[in-house]
Amino acid sequence: MSSLSFDASRDHRITREEAASLVQAFQSHAAAGEHRASAFNRSAFDQLLAQPGAAGIRIYRACHRDGSPTMVMVAVDAKGVDIDSPEATFVQNSHDCPPFCVGSCLSTTD
């Protein structure tokens, strides 16, 4: 685990070329049919960031009970700590690729 502090003002943007290179590096080692991406509606991000104290979002790699992969998102505060109150919102229910890969400019499908 990293000992670096969370920077709530960090600029996370990269070029399209960098994005494509990173995605293709992963996918070159991915097995046929392996989970490649997850798409979330805008409202998922809005709901997470609307929580009191939210300064960012952490995305966890996760698995369903049947072992199939998914992603879980949780808001983090300005220190990078998960917001885990009884009222906290957690997000999953993504559109996973595959099978929902239409329109993905960075992902290659099997």
Foldseek 3Di string as FASTA:
>chain_A
DDPDWDALPDDPDDDPVVLLVVLVVVVVPDDAPAWRDWDDDPVQVVLQCPDPQFSAKDKDWDADPVGHIWIKIFTAGNRRHGDDDPPGDMDTPTQIPVVPCPPPPRDDHD
